[in-house]
């Protein structure tokens, strides 16, 4: 999105604000599909950005949902519930019952408790639910999934679960993988696991849900090139794995990050101890770049000037509105004649920024959220949301 288009859209929204470019989102999904091929399914993990859900590209076969709140968003958006993979480490009785009533397409089981809840819900409805068993990271483990030995034990005793059709496995170990080697190693592990399960338990793994965790480059000038290289490096191995079973690649950040713009206005400028500071109406509670620490790295920032003054390029430390010295968005970014009232647009904020920040710290307002496409123009999805509204006790 160029400066002129951003200025045009800025006239219709206040700051701070997110704008998500649906055309860019579609292009990104199409790019991944091009590299992975028709036999590799694609799943959008909506925790990265649920605001994109209403206009999801057709090439997405599945939608990963990890909480009751995300399920509510799916209900309100009217998505095809059969596309949903209902995941997450904390599934309660109520959560499973609700997802069952919604008719979600697949459940994941991250524990024996999950499996029992899903099985019981199915039996009460005189039906069978498709289930993916999540295997924890075999290189170190975490709170996610189950040990391989437990998963194998469940498959061995699968007849004990009359309400469950174990269709396959779920495997995701983490995000921001910059090299192809760990992804290829994990796909080799999955292929070996499928083979062992077939030989030792006379069981066919029909489906695999795999999260690549491919990295997004937030601070590199050649980010698009680097990310294309990652897709190319793992595409052959993914296609090989897709010959073994129905393979779906689950990603959130990699799909969504490039399509987001965060707009924040300069509210004050000052020079303290020789350092130029600009205070903006947003802050670290609304802007999240993975790998950013105390503003030491500089993402792509578009400077929308409020005047015609030029020729005074200086380094600026950009700070938010929170009462903490940690609220530094970036340091020593070169800007030309920065003034109060100018708007700074932080690029590549389509994933997690709107969902992962400390949203209500200092009771600041939550930003306007909009989507844009060339065909439909700008649509406001959420007006500015104020966090200082609550019931006060009578005194």
Protein backbone atom coordinates (compact mmCIF):
# COMPACT_ATOMS: atom_id res chain seq x y z
CA UNK A 1 0.00 0.00 0.00
CA UNK A 2 1.58 3.31 -1.05
CA UNK A 3 1.73 6.62 0.84
CA UNK A 4 -1.09 8.17 -1.17
CA UNK A 5 -3.47 5.32 -0.40
CA UNK A 6 -2.56 5.39 3.29
CA UNK A 7 -3.25 9.15 3.42
CA UNK A 8 -6.61 8.58 1.79
CA UNK A 9 -7.54 5.89 4.31
CA UNK A 10 -6.21 7.94 7.23
CA UNK A 11 -8.81 10.60 6.45
CA UNK A 12 -11.46 8.02 7.39
CA UNK A 13 -9.99 6.55 10.58
CA UNK A 14 -8.53 8.01 13.75
CA UNK A 15 -5.27 6.98 15.36
CA UNK A 16 -4.11 4.67 16.74
CA UNK A 17 -5.47 2.32 14.13
CA UNK A 18 -4.80 -0.95 12.32
CA UNK A 19 -5.58 -1.41 8.64
CA UNK A 20 -5.39 -4.89 7.18
CA UNK A 21 -4.92 -5.13 3.41
CA UNK A 22 -7.02 -8.06 2.22
CA UNK A 23 -5.45 -7.99 -1.23
CA UNK A 24 -2.01 -8.53 0.31
CA UNK A 25 -3.42 -11.31 2.49
CA UNK A 26 -4.81 -13.04 -0.60
CA UNK A 27 -1.51 -12.63 -2.43
CA UNK A 28 0.39 -14.17 0.47
CA UNK A 29 -1.96 -17.15 0.68
CA UNK A 30 -1.66 -17.62 -3.08
CA UNK A 31 2.13 -17.48 -2.88
CA UNK A 32 2.23 -20.25 -0.27
CA UNK A 33 -0.21 -22.36 -2.27
CA UNK A 34 1.97 -21.91 -5.37
CA UNK A 35 5.04 -23.28 -3.59
CA UNK A 36 3.34 -26.10 -1.69
CA UNK A 37 1.09 -27.37 -4.47
CA UNK A 38 -2.45 -28.69 -4.66
CA UNK A 39 -1.86 -31.78 -2.49
CA UNK A 40 -0.83 -29.77 0.57
CA UNK A 41 -3.80 -28.29 2.42
CA UNK A 42 -3.60 -24.89 4.12
CA UNK A 43 -4.90 -23.99 7.57
CA UNK A 44 -5.08 -20.45 8.96
CA UNK A 45 -4.45 -20.22 12.68
CA UNK A 46 -6.74 -17.35 13.61
CA UNK A 47 -4.93 -16.47 16.84
CA UNK A 48 -2.56 -14.53 14.57
CA UNK A 49 -5.38 -12.25 13.44
CA UNK A 50 -9.06 -13.20 13.82
CA UNK A 51 -10.11 -9.97 12.08
CA UNK A 52 -9.11 -11.55 8.77
CA UNK A 53 -11.53 -14.41 9.20
CA UNK A 54 -14.51 -12.80 7.48
CA UNK A 55 -12.70 -12.63 4.14
CA UNK A 56 -10.60 -15.76 4.22
CA UNK A 57 -9.15 -16.75 0.81
CA UNK A 58 -10.71 -19.85 -0.73
CA UNK A 59 -7.40 -21.74 -0.75
CA UNK A 60 -7.66 -22.27 3.02
CA UNK A 61 -9.02 -25.74 3.72
CA UNK A 62 -9.01 -25.46 7.51
CA UNK A 63 -9.22 -22.90 10.32
CA UNK A 64 -7.46 -23.52 13.63
CA UNK A 65 -9.44 -22.31 16.66
CA UNK A 66 -7.89 -22.44 20.14
CA UNK A 67 -10.36 -20.84 22.55
CA UNK A 68 -14.05 -20.20 23.26
CA UNK A 69 -13.56 -16.58 22.20
CA UNK A 70 -12.20 -17.61 18.83
CA UNK A 71 -15.09 -20.01 18.44
CA UNK A 72 -17.47 -17.11 19.08
CA UNK A 73 -15.75 -15.13 16.33
CA UNK A 74 -16.27 -18.06 13.96
CA UNK A 75 -19.94 -18.24 14.90
CA UNK A 76 -20.45 -14.51 14.34
CA UNK A 77 -18.50 -14.53 11.10
CA UNK A 78 -20.52 -17.43 9.73
CA UNK A 79 -17.58 -19.55 8.59
CA UNK A 80 -18.06 -23.16 7.56
CA UNK A 81 -17.78 -24.97 10.90
CA UNK A 82 -16.63 -28.13 9.15
CA UNK A 83 -13.37 -26.32 8.35
CA UNK A 84 -12.59 -25.76 12.03
CA UNK A 85 -9.91 -27.70 13.86
CA UNK A 86 -10.77 -27.09 17.51
CA UNK A 87 -7.41 -27.03 19.25
CA UNK A 88 -5.87 -25.52 22.40
CA UNK A 89 -4.40 -26.85 25.64
CA UNK A 90 -7.33 -25.88 27.88
CA UNK A 91 -10.50 -27.59 26.72
CA UNK A 92 -13.23 -27.76 29.34
CA UNK A 93 -16.39 -29.83 29.34
CA UNK A 94 -18.32 -26.72 28.31
CA UNK A 95 -15.89 -25.93 25.49
CA UNK A 96 -16.13 -29.40 24.00
CA UNK A 97 -19.91 -29.48 24.31
CA UNK A 98 -20.22 -26.14 22.57
CA UNK A 99 -17.82 -27.08 19.77
CA UNK A 100 -19.72 -30.34 19.33
CA UNK A 101 -23.03 -28.48 19.06
CA UNK A 102 -21.45 -26.12 16.54
CA UNK A 103 -20.45 -29.08 14.41
CA UNK A 104 -16.72 -28.34 14.18
CA UNK A 105 -14.96 -30.54 11.67
CA UNK A 106 -12.12 -31.88 13.82
CA UNK A 107 -10.98 -31.89 17.43
CA UNK A 108 -7.40 -32.12 18.63
CA UNK A 109 -6.58 -34.01 21.82
CA UNK A 110 -3.62 -32.69 23.80
CA UNK A 111 -4.18 -34.91 26.82
CA UNK A 112 -6.07 -37.95 28.07
CA UNK A 113 -8.61 -35.55 29.59
CA UNK A 114 -9.30 -34.03 26.17
CA UNK A 115 -9.78 -37.45 24.64
CA UNK A 116 -12.24 -38.46 27.36
CA UNK A 117 -14.23 -35.21 27.02
CA UNK A 118 -14.45 -35.55 23.24
CA UNK A 119 -15.32 -39.24 23.41
CA UNK A 120 -18.07 -38.68 26.00
CA UNK A 121 -19.54 -35.77 24.04
CA UNK A 122 -19.74 -37.94 20.93
CA UNK A 123 -21.37 -40.86 22.77
CA UNK A 124 -24.03 -38.57 24.23
CA UNK A 125 -24.88 -37.55 20.67
CA UNK A 126 -24.69 -41.08 19.30
CA UNK A 127 -21.98 -40.04 16.84
CA UNK A 128 -18.23 -40.18 16.27
CA UNK A 129 -15.89 -37.17 16.17
CA UNK A 130 -12.71 -37.01 14.07
CA UNK A 131 -9.71 -36.42 16.35
CA UNK A 132 -6.06 -35.52 15.79
CA UNK A 133 -3.70 -36.60 18.57
CA UNK A 134 -1.11 -33.93 19.28
CA UNK A 135 2.45 -35.14 19.82
CA UNK A 136 4.67 -32.93 21.97
CA UNK A 137 7.99 -31.64 20.68
CA UNK A 138 10.27 -34.69 20.61
CA UNK A 139 13.33 -32.42 20.89
CA UNK A 140 12.42 -31.03 24.28
CA UNK A 141 8.74 -31.22 25.05
CA UNK A 142 6.42 -28.52 26.33
CA UNK A 143 2.94 -28.16 27.81
CA UNK A 144 1.56 -28.83 24.32
CA UNK A 145 0.53 -32.30 23.22
CA UNK A 146 1.43 -35.67 24.70
CA UNK A 147 4.52 -37.84 24.76
CA UNK A 148 4.85 -40.07 21.73
CA UNK A 149 4.51 -43.11 23.98
CA UNK A 150 1.13 -41.88 25.25
CA UNK A 151 -0.08 -41.20 21.70
CA UNK A 152 1.00 -44.68 20.63
CA UNK A 153 -0.76 -46.17 23.67
CA UNK A 154 -3.98 -44.41 22.69
CA UNK A 155 -3.71 -45.73 19.15
CA UNK A 156 -3.05 -49.23 20.49
CA UNK A 157 -6.17 -49.01 22.68
CA UNK A 158 -8.28 -47.07 20.20
CA UNK A 159 -11.14 -49.53 20.52
CA UNK A 160 -11.73 -48.15 24.03
CA UNK A 161 -12.88 -44.85 22.53
CA UNK A 162 -16.14 -45.62 20.75
CA UNK A 163 -16.96 -41.96 20.11
CA UNK A 164 -13.64 -41.05 18.55
CA UNK A 165 -12.25 -41.61 15.08
CA UNK A 166 -8.51 -41.06 15.40
CA UNK A 167 -7.78 -39.68 11.96
CA UNK A 168 -4.17 -38.67 12.50
CA UNK A 169 -1.69 -36.55 14.38
CA UNK A 170 -1.01 -32.89 15.08
CA UNK A 171 2.57 -31.63 15.31
CA UNK A 172 3.77 -28.08 15.95
CA UNK A 173 6.88 -27.20 17.93
CA UNK A 174 7.29 -23.43 17.71
CA UNK A 175 7.50 -20.36 15.55
CA UNK A 176 10.03 -18.11 13.79
CA UNK A 177 12.13 -20.90 12.28
CA UNK A 178 14.59 -19.17 9.98
CA UNK A 179 16.25 -22.26 8.58
CA UNK A 180 14.77 -25.11 6.56
CA UNK A 181 16.72 -27.76 8.45
CA UNK A 182 14.45 -28.03 11.55
CA UNK A 183 11.33 -28.14 9.37
CA UNK A 184 12.77 -30.90 7.19
CA UNK A 185 13.88 -32.80 10.30
CA UNK A 186 10.35 -32.60 11.72
CA UNK A 187 8.81 -33.80 8.47
CA UNK A 188 11.22 -36.74 8.47
CA UNK A 189 10.12 -37.52 12.02
CA UNK A 190 6.46 -37.39 10.98
CA UNK A 191 7.11 -39.72 8.04
CA UNK A 192 8.91 -42.16 10.33
CA UNK A 193 6.12 -41.98 12.91
CA UNK A 194 3.50 -42.72 10.26
CA UNK A 195 5.50 -45.74 9.13
CA UNK A 196 6.01 -47.09 12.67
CA UNK A 197 2.35 -46.65 13.56
CA UNK A 198 1.34 -48.58 10.47
CA UNK A 199 3.78 -51.42 11.06
CA UNK A 200 3.42 -51.79 14.83
CA UNK A 201 -0.26 -51.02 15.34
CA UNK A 202 -1.83 -51.88 11.98
CA UNK A 203 -3.17 -48.34 11.88
CA UNK A 204 -3.23 -45.90 8.99
CA UNK A 205 -2.52 -42.25 9.76
CA UNK A 206 -4.88 -40.58 7.34
CA UNK A 207 -4.25 -36.95 8.25
CA UNK A 208 -1.41 -34.82 9.59
CA UNK A 209 -1.82 -31.25 10.78
CA UNK A 210 1.67 -29.71 10.75
CA UNK A 211 2.74 -26.23 11.81
CA UNK A 212 5.92 -25.21 10.01
CA UNK A 213 6.59 -22.19 12.23
CA UNK A 214 8.19 -20.42 9.26
CA UNK A 215 9.81 -17.13 10.23
CA UNK A 216 8.68 -13.68 9.16
CA UNK A 217 11.39 -11.05 8.71
CA UNK A 218 10.29 -7.82 10.35
CA UNK A 219 13.48 -5.79 10.05
CA UNK A 220 15.10 -6.88 6.77
CA UNK A 221 14.86 -4.76 3.63
CA UNK A 222 14.67 -7.94 1.54
CA UNK A 223 12.06 -9.65 3.71
CA UNK A 224 9.93 -10.88 0.80
CA UNK A 225 12.96 -12.48 -0.84
CA UNK A 226 14.05 -14.22 2.36
CA UNK A 227 10.56 -15.59 2.98
CA UNK A 228 10.26 -16.89 -0.58
CA UNK A 229 13.55 -18.71 -0.08
CA UNK A 230 12.15 -20.44 3.02
CA UNK A 231 9.08 -21.57 1.11
CA UNK A 232 11.24 -22.93 -1.69
CA UNK A 233 13.56 -24.78 0.69
CA UNK A 234 10.79 -26.77 2.40
CA UNK A 235 8.32 -27.19 -0.46
CA UNK A 236 9.78 -30.43 -1.88
CA UNK A 237 9.77 -32.16 1.51
CA UNK A 238 6.19 -31.05 2.16
CA UNK A 239 5.09 -32.44 -1.19
CA UNK A 240 6.79 -35.74 -0.34
CA UNK A 241 4.97 -35.91 3.00
CA UNK A 242 1.67 -35.17 1.27
CA UNK A 243 2.08 -38.43 -0.65
CA UNK A 244 1.91 -40.35 2.64
CA UNK A 245 -1.34 -38.88 3.98
CA UNK A 246 -3.65 -35.89 3.83
CA UNK A 247 -1.25 -33.13 4.90
CA UNK A 248 -2.41 -29.72 6.08
CA UNK A 249 0.09 -26.97 6.85
CA UNK A 250 -1.01 -24.73 9.69
CA UNK A 251 0.38 -21.18 9.90
CA UNK A 252 -0.78 -17.83 11.20
CA UNK A 253 2.07 -15.34 11.34
CA UNK A 254 3.51 -16.24 7.94
CA UNK A 255 0.16 -15.75 6.22
CA UNK A 256 -0.94 -12.58 7.99
CA UNK A 257 2.08 -10.47 8.96
CA UNK A 258 2.72 -8.68 5.64
CA UNK A 259 -0.85 -7.38 5.27
CA UNK A 260 -0.97 -5.15 8.36
CA UNK A 261 -0.39 -1.43 8.91
CA UNK A 262 -0.39 0.25 12.33
CA UNK A 263 -1.02 3.99 12.26
CA UNK A 264 -0.06 6.15 15.22
CA UNK A 265 0.13 9.95 15.52
CA UNK A 266 2.99 12.01 16.95
CA UNK A 267 1.64 13.82 20.01
CA UNK A 268 4.78 15.43 21.40
CA UNK A 269 8.46 15.94 20.55
CA UNK A 270 11.38 16.81 22.81
CA UNK A 271 15.14 16.47 23.18
CA UNK A 272 16.44 15.01 26.46
CA UNK A 273 20.16 14.63 27.08
CA UNK A 274 20.83 15.03 23.38
CA UNK A 275 18.33 12.36 22.32
CA UNK A 276 15.30 13.27 20.20
CA UNK A 277 12.11 11.71 21.54
CA UNK A 278 8.72 11.55 19.85
CA UNK A 279 5.70 10.44 21.88
CA UNK A 280 2.94 8.79 19.85
CA UNK A 281 -0.66 8.01 20.74
CA UNK A 282 -0.05 4.26 20.48
CA UNK A 283 2.62 2.21 22.17
CA UNK A 284 4.08 -1.18 22.97
CA UNK A 285 0.65 -2.27 24.22
CA UNK A 286 -0.52 -2.19 20.60
CA UNK A 287 2.58 -2.89 18.53
CA UNK A 288 4.30 -6.28 18.63
CA UNK A 289 7.24 -7.36 16.50
CA UNK A 290 8.70 -10.74 17.35
CA UNK A 291 12.39 -10.26 18.10
CA UNK A 292 12.10 -6.59 18.98
CA UNK A 293 13.80 -5.67 22.27
CA UNK A 294 13.71 -2.17 23.72
CA UNK A 295 13.30 -0.74 20.21
CA UNK A 296 16.81 -1.70 19.12
CA UNK A 297 15.73 -2.80 15.63
CA UNK A 298 14.00 -0.68 13.02
CA UNK A 299 11.03 -2.04 11.05
CA UNK A 300 9.75 -0.38 7.89
CA UNK A 301 8.01 2.86 8.88
CA UNK A 302 6.14 5.16 6.49
CA UNK A 303 6.19 8.83 7.54
CA UNK A 304 2.99 10.68 6.63
CA UNK A 305 3.88 14.33 7.15
CA UNK A 306 1.36 16.90 8.30
CA UNK A 307 3.20 19.74 6.53
CA UNK A 308 5.55 20.46 3.64
CA UNK A 309 8.69 21.07 5.72
CA UNK A 310 11.68 18.96 4.62
CA UNK A 311 15.43 18.89 4.87
CA UNK A 312 15.94 18.23 8.60
CA UNK A 313 16.74 14.51 8.85
CA UNK A 314 17.48 13.45 12.41
CA UNK A 315 17.50 10.25 14.49
CA UNK A 316 14.41 9.81 16.64
CA UNK A 317 13.49 7.51 19.48
CA UNK A 318 9.79 6.71 19.13
CA UNK A 319 7.95 6.13 22.40
CA UNK A 320 4.39 5.22 23.25
CA UNK A 321 1.93 6.61 25.77
CA UNK A 322 2.54 4.19 28.65
CA UNK A 323 4.13 5.18 31.93
CA UNK A 324 7.14 2.92 31.61
CA UNK A 325 10.61 3.42 30.15
CA UNK A 326 10.08 0.10 28.37
CA UNK A 327 7.56 1.73 26.01
CA UNK A 328 10.07 2.31 23.21
CA UNK A 329 8.91 1.37 19.72
CA UNK A 330 12.23 1.97 18.00
CA UNK A 331 15.44 3.94 18.54
CA UNK A 332 17.52 6.10 16.24
CA UNK A 333 15.19 5.89 13.26
CA UNK A 334 16.05 8.57 10.67
CA UNK A 335 13.04 10.78 9.93
CA UNK A 336 12.82 13.98 7.92
CA UNK A 337 11.45 17.02 9.77
CA UNK A 338 9.26 15.07 12.19
CA UNK A 339 6.56 17.27 13.74
CA UNK A 340 3.65 16.99 16.12
CA UNK A 341 0.63 15.77 14.19
CA UNK A 342 2.57 13.61 11.75
CA UNK A 343 1.44 10.00 11.42
CA UNK A 344 3.85 7.07 11.45
CA UNK A 345 2.78 3.84 9.77
CA UNK A 346 4.45 0.66 11.01
CA UNK A 347 4.38 -2.03 8.33
CA UNK A 348 4.10 -5.84 8.63
CA UNK A 349 1.75 -5.69 11.62
CA UNK A 350 -0.86 -8.10 10.28
CA UNK A 351 -0.08 -10.86 12.80
CA UNK A 352 -0.34 -10.69 16.59
CA UNK A 353 0.05 -6.92 17.11
CA UNK A 354 -3.69 -6.44 17.43
CA UNK A 355 -4.03 -9.47 19.71
CA UNK A 356 -0.81 -10.04 21.66
CA UNK A 357 0.03 -6.67 23.20
CA UNK A 358 -0.70 -5.53 26.76
CA UNK A 359 -3.95 -4.12 25.49
CA UNK A 360 -5.37 -2.52 28.65
CA UNK A 361 -2.20 -1.29 30.39
CA UNK A 362 -2.80 2.28 31.69
CA UNK A 363 -6.43 1.95 30.56
CA UNK A 364 -5.54 3.36 27.15
CA UNK A 365 -8.08 2.99 24.37
CA UNK A 366 -7.80 0.05 21.98
CA UNK A 367 -7.25 1.01 18.34
CA UNK A 368 -9.70 1.20 15.48
CA UNK A 369 -9.48 -1.92 13.30
CA UNK A 370 -10.27 -1.80 9.59
CA UNK A 371 -9.86 -3.92 6.50
CA UNK A 372 -9.22 -2.70 2.98
CA UNK A 373 -9.41 -4.10 -0.51
CA UNK A 374 -9.36 -2.47 -3.92
CA UNK A 375 -12.77 -3.97 -4.69
CA UNK A 376 -14.62 -3.05 -1.50
CA UNK A 377 -12.61 -0.13 -0.14
CA UNK A 378 -12.28 0.46 3.60
CA UNK A 379 -14.50 -1.32 6.12
CA UNK A 380 -14.28 -0.53 9.83
CA UNK A 381 -14.49 -3.78 11.80
CA UNK A 382 -14.17 -2.27 15.26
CA UNK A 383 -14.34 1.34 16.36
CA UNK A 384 -12.05 2.63 19.08
CA UNK A 385 -12.66 0.59 22.21
CA UNK A 386 -12.31 2.18 25.63
CA UNK A 387 -10.99 0.08 28.50
CA UNK A 388 -11.88 2.43 31.36
CA UNK A 389 -15.57 1.43 31.44
CA UNK A 390 -16.58 -0.60 34.49
CA UNK A 391 -19.20 -0.67 37.20
CA UNK A 392 -18.25 1.27 40.33
CA UNK A 393 -19.57 0.23 43.75
CA UNK A 394 -21.88 2.55 45.62
CA UNK A 395 -20.10 4.41 48.39
